[in-house]
Amino acid sequence: MKRIFMLLTVIVLAVSLFSQEGDAPEIDLSNSVFDGLEKGYKCNVEFGGLFGYGNRNYGANGLKLHIVNGYQFNPYLSVGAGTGIWYNLAYSRTHIPFFVDLKINFLNRRISPYFSIDSGGLLSKDCSPYTSKNVTLLVLLNPTLGVTYKVSDWFTINLGLGLEYTDMTWYCEY
């Protein structure tokens, strides 16, 4: 099951199909390589897979979708706030993350390596994997290394590999 899930995740991340009527807009790649990210508002949509390990992988082995709204201060630094949804395949449960995102691009170029870190929490309706009484609060920390590719002035592609760390704190009433 894990192999099938990993294969499907890789296929979804590797293949993008864009269908539209008429001619596709041309992308001008003749700009200078020193054409990095510009100052202003940005919205980042992230899709990925979660793979658990250790003896407490509750909340792992699933899919995630994050939406981060932020501000690009210069070609190197952006800060934003995000939320999203995690779907746990092992327990068929949904979790809601909320976090602050800090992203640092190392170069002022079209293609730049980056480091980002998300810090916040993860809410789940379940008190434990075995009952559904109260809300669970998990601490969330997500460092990521990757590459940003600026396709146009309004569209970038980020490819990264990160570690989603969660630590459970149970708030249960019995």
Protein backbone atom coordinates (compact mmCIF):
# COMPACT_ATOMS: atom_id res chain seq x y z
CA MET A 1 0.00 0.00 0.00
CA LYS A 2 2.82 2.41 0.87
CA ARG A 3 4.56 1.71 -2.43
CA ILE A 4 1.38 2.41 -4.40
CA PHE A 5 0.79 5.60 -2.43
CA MET A 6 4.37 6.79 -2.95
CA LEU A 7 4.17 6.00 -6.69
CA LEU A 8 0.89 7.91 -7.06
CA THR A 9 2.33 10.89 -5.16
CA VAL A 10 5.39 11.01 -7.40
CA ILE A 11 3.23 10.79 -10.53
CA VAL A 12 0.95 13.61 -9.35
CA LEU A 13 3.93 15.82 -8.50
CA ALA A 14 5.82 15.03 -11.70
CA VAL A 15 3.03 15.36 -14.26
CA SER A 16 1.01 18.52 -14.82
CA LEU A 17 -1.56 18.81 -17.57
CA PHE A 18 -2.90 22.19 -18.63
CA SER A 19 -5.82 22.21 -21.04
CA GLN A 20 -7.27 25.34 -22.58
CA GLU A 21 -8.90 26.53 -25.75
CA GLY A 22 -6.94 28.63 -28.22
CA ASP A 23 -3.25 29.33 -28.22
CA ALA A 24 -1.23 28.91 -25.07
CA PRO A 25 0.39 32.11 -23.77
CA GLU A 26 4.05 32.41 -24.61
CA ILE A 27 6.56 32.49 -21.78
CA ASP A 28 9.42 34.87 -22.36
CA LEU A 29 12.58 33.10 -21.21
CA SER A 30 14.88 35.76 -22.67
CA ASN A 31 14.85 37.82 -19.48
CA SER A 32 17.99 38.08 -17.44
CA VAL A 33 18.84 35.21 -15.10
CA PHE A 34 18.93 37.86 -12.36
CA ASP A 35 15.13 38.16 -12.48
CA GLY A 36 14.25 36.82 -9.03
CA LEU A 37 11.10 37.07 -6.98
CA GLU A 38 9.50 40.49 -6.67
CA LYS A 39 8.26 42.41 -3.64
CA GLY A 40 4.56 42.07 -2.81
CA TYR A 41 1.72 39.75 -1.84
CA LYS A 42 2.00 36.06 -2.70
CA CYS A 43 -0.18 33.00 -2.34
CA ASN A 44 1.45 29.58 -2.23
CA VAL A 45 -0.52 26.35 -2.70
CA GLU A 46 1.32 23.17 -1.66
CA PHE A 47 0.35 19.57 -2.28
CA GLY A 48 2.29 16.65 -0.87
CA GLY A 49 2.41 13.29 0.80
CA LEU A 50 3.02 12.42 4.44
CA PHE A 51 4.92 9.30 5.45
CA GLY A 52 5.10 8.30 9.11
CA TYR A 53 7.87 6.59 11.01
CA GLY A 54 8.58 5.67 14.61
CA ASN A 55 6.17 4.29 17.17
CA ARG A 56 3.83 7.34 17.10
CA ASN A 57 2.98 7.97 13.47
CA TYR A 58 -0.60 9.00 14.22
CA GLY A 59 -1.37 11.84 11.82
CA ALA A 60 1.07 10.57 9.20
CA ASN A 61 0.80 8.40 6.06
CA GLY A 62 -1.55 10.62 4.14
CA LEU A 63 -2.00 13.57 1.82
CA LYS A 64 -1.69 17.26 2.58
CA LEU A 65 -2.85 20.51 1.01
CA HIS A 66 -1.53 23.81 2.39
CA ILE A 67 -2.46 27.37 1.39
CA VAL A 68 -0.05 30.08 2.52
CA ASN A 69 -0.77 33.80 2.12
CA GLY A 70 2.23 36.00 2.68
CA TYR A 71 4.40 38.92 1.69
CA GLN A 72 7.64 38.82 -0.32
CA PHE A 73 9.82 41.54 1.26
CA ASN A 74 12.64 41.26 -1.29
CA PRO A 75 13.94 38.53 -3.65
CA TYR A 76 15.30 36.62 -0.64
CA LEU A 77 12.75 36.76 2.21
CA SER A 78 9.03 36.08 2.56
CA VAL A 79 6.76 35.54 5.57
CA GLY A 80 3.21 34.23 5.56
CA ALA A 81 0.44 32.50 7.48
CA GLY A 82 -1.07 29.26 6.33
CA THR A 83 -3.66 26.61 6.90
CA GLY A 84 -4.77 23.54 5.04
CA ILE A 85 -5.93 20.00 5.41
CA TRP A 86 -4.21 16.68 6.10
CA TYR A 87 -5.95 13.40 5.36
CA ASN A 88 -4.68 10.40 7.31
CA LEU A 89 -4.93 7.24 5.20
CA ALA A 90 -4.21 4.87 8.10
CA TYR A 91 -7.09 6.12 10.30
CA SER A 92 -9.30 7.82 7.64
CA ARG A 93 -9.21 11.05 9.62
CA THR A 94 -8.77 14.71 8.73
CA HIS A 95 -6.49 17.18 10.52
CA ILE A 96 -6.32 20.98 10.15
CA PRO A 97 -2.85 22.61 10.33
CA PHE A 98 -2.29 26.30 11.07
CA PHE A 99 1.19 27.80 10.93
CA VAL A 100 3.53 30.69 10.19
CA ASP A 101 5.78 30.22 7.15
CA LEU A 102 9.26 31.75 6.74
CA LYS A 103 10.98 31.24 3.38
CA ILE A 104 14.51 32.26 2.39
CA ASN A 105 15.68 32.14 -1.25
CA PHE A 106 19.47 32.05 -1.50
CA LEU A 107 19.86 33.62 -4.96
CA ASN A 108 18.21 36.50 -6.82
CA ARG A 109 17.71 34.41 -9.96
CA ARG A 110 14.96 32.64 -11.88
CA ILE A 111 16.09 29.33 -10.37
CA SER A 112 17.07 29.55 -6.72
CA PRO A 113 17.55 27.08 -3.87
CA TYR A 114 15.45 27.87 -0.80
CA PHE A 115 14.98 27.00 2.85
CA SER A 116 11.60 27.35 4.53
CA ILE A 117 10.27 26.56 7.95
CA ASP A 118 6.66 26.31 9.11
CA SER A 119 5.81 26.47 12.79
CA GLY A 120 2.37 26.16 14.35
CA GLY A 121 -0.16 23.57 15.35
CA LEU A 122 -2.37 20.81 14.04
CA LEU A 123 -5.96 20.29 15.19
CA SER A 124 -7.71 16.96 15.14
CA LYS A 125 -11.19 16.12 16.37
CA ASP A 126 -10.05 12.86 17.92
CA CYS A 127 -8.77 12.50 21.46
CA SER A 128 -6.82 9.39 20.51
CA PRO A 129 -6.73 6.90 17.65
CA TYR A 130 -9.30 4.80 19.56
CA THR A 131 -11.94 7.37 20.65
CA SER A 132 -13.47 10.55 19.31
CA LYS A 133 -14.32 12.57 22.42
CA ASN A 134 -12.35 15.82 22.24
CA VAL A 135 -9.92 17.89 20.25
CA THR A 136 -6.24 16.98 19.92
CA LEU A 137 -3.59 19.70 19.56
CA LEU A 138 -0.35 18.67 17.91
CA VAL A 139 2.72 20.90 17.67
CA LEU A 140 3.82 21.31 14.05
CA LEU A 141 7.34 22.07 12.80
CA ASN A 142 8.25 21.71 9.12
CA PRO A 143 11.76 22.57 7.82
CA THR A 144 12.09 22.24 4.03
CA LEU A 145 14.90 22.52 1.47
CA GLY A 146 14.08 22.94 -2.19
CA VAL A 147 14.34 24.82 -5.46
CA THR A 148 12.17 27.70 -6.73
CA TYR A 149 11.70 28.18 -10.49
CA LYS A 150 10.16 31.50 -11.57
CA VAL A 151 8.13 30.71 -14.70
CA SER A 152 6.65 34.20 -15.09
CA ASP A 153 6.04 37.33 -13.02
CA TRP A 154 2.97 35.74 -11.43
CA PHE A 155 3.79 32.01 -11.36
CA THR A 156 6.56 30.00 -9.66
CA ILE A 157 7.11 26.29 -9.14
CA ASN A 158 8.62 25.08 -5.88
CA LEU A 159 9.98 21.57 -5.49
CA GLY A 160 11.04 20.72 -1.96
CA LEU A 161 11.68 17.97 0.50
CA GLY A 162 10.74 18.57 4.12
CA LEU A 163 10.20 16.93 7.47
CA GLU A 164 6.79 17.41 9.08
CA TYR A 165 7.32 17.00 12.81
CA THR A 166 4.29 16.71 15.09
CA ASP A 167 4.24 16.13 18.83
CA MET A 168 0.98 15.07 20.46
CA THR A 169 -0.56 16.71 23.48
CA TRP A 170 -3.83 15.09 24.54
CA TYR A 171 -6.65 17.14 26.06
CA CYS A 172 -9.09 14.45 27.16
CA GLU A 173 -11.92 14.30 29.62
CA TYR A 174 -12.92 10.91 30.95
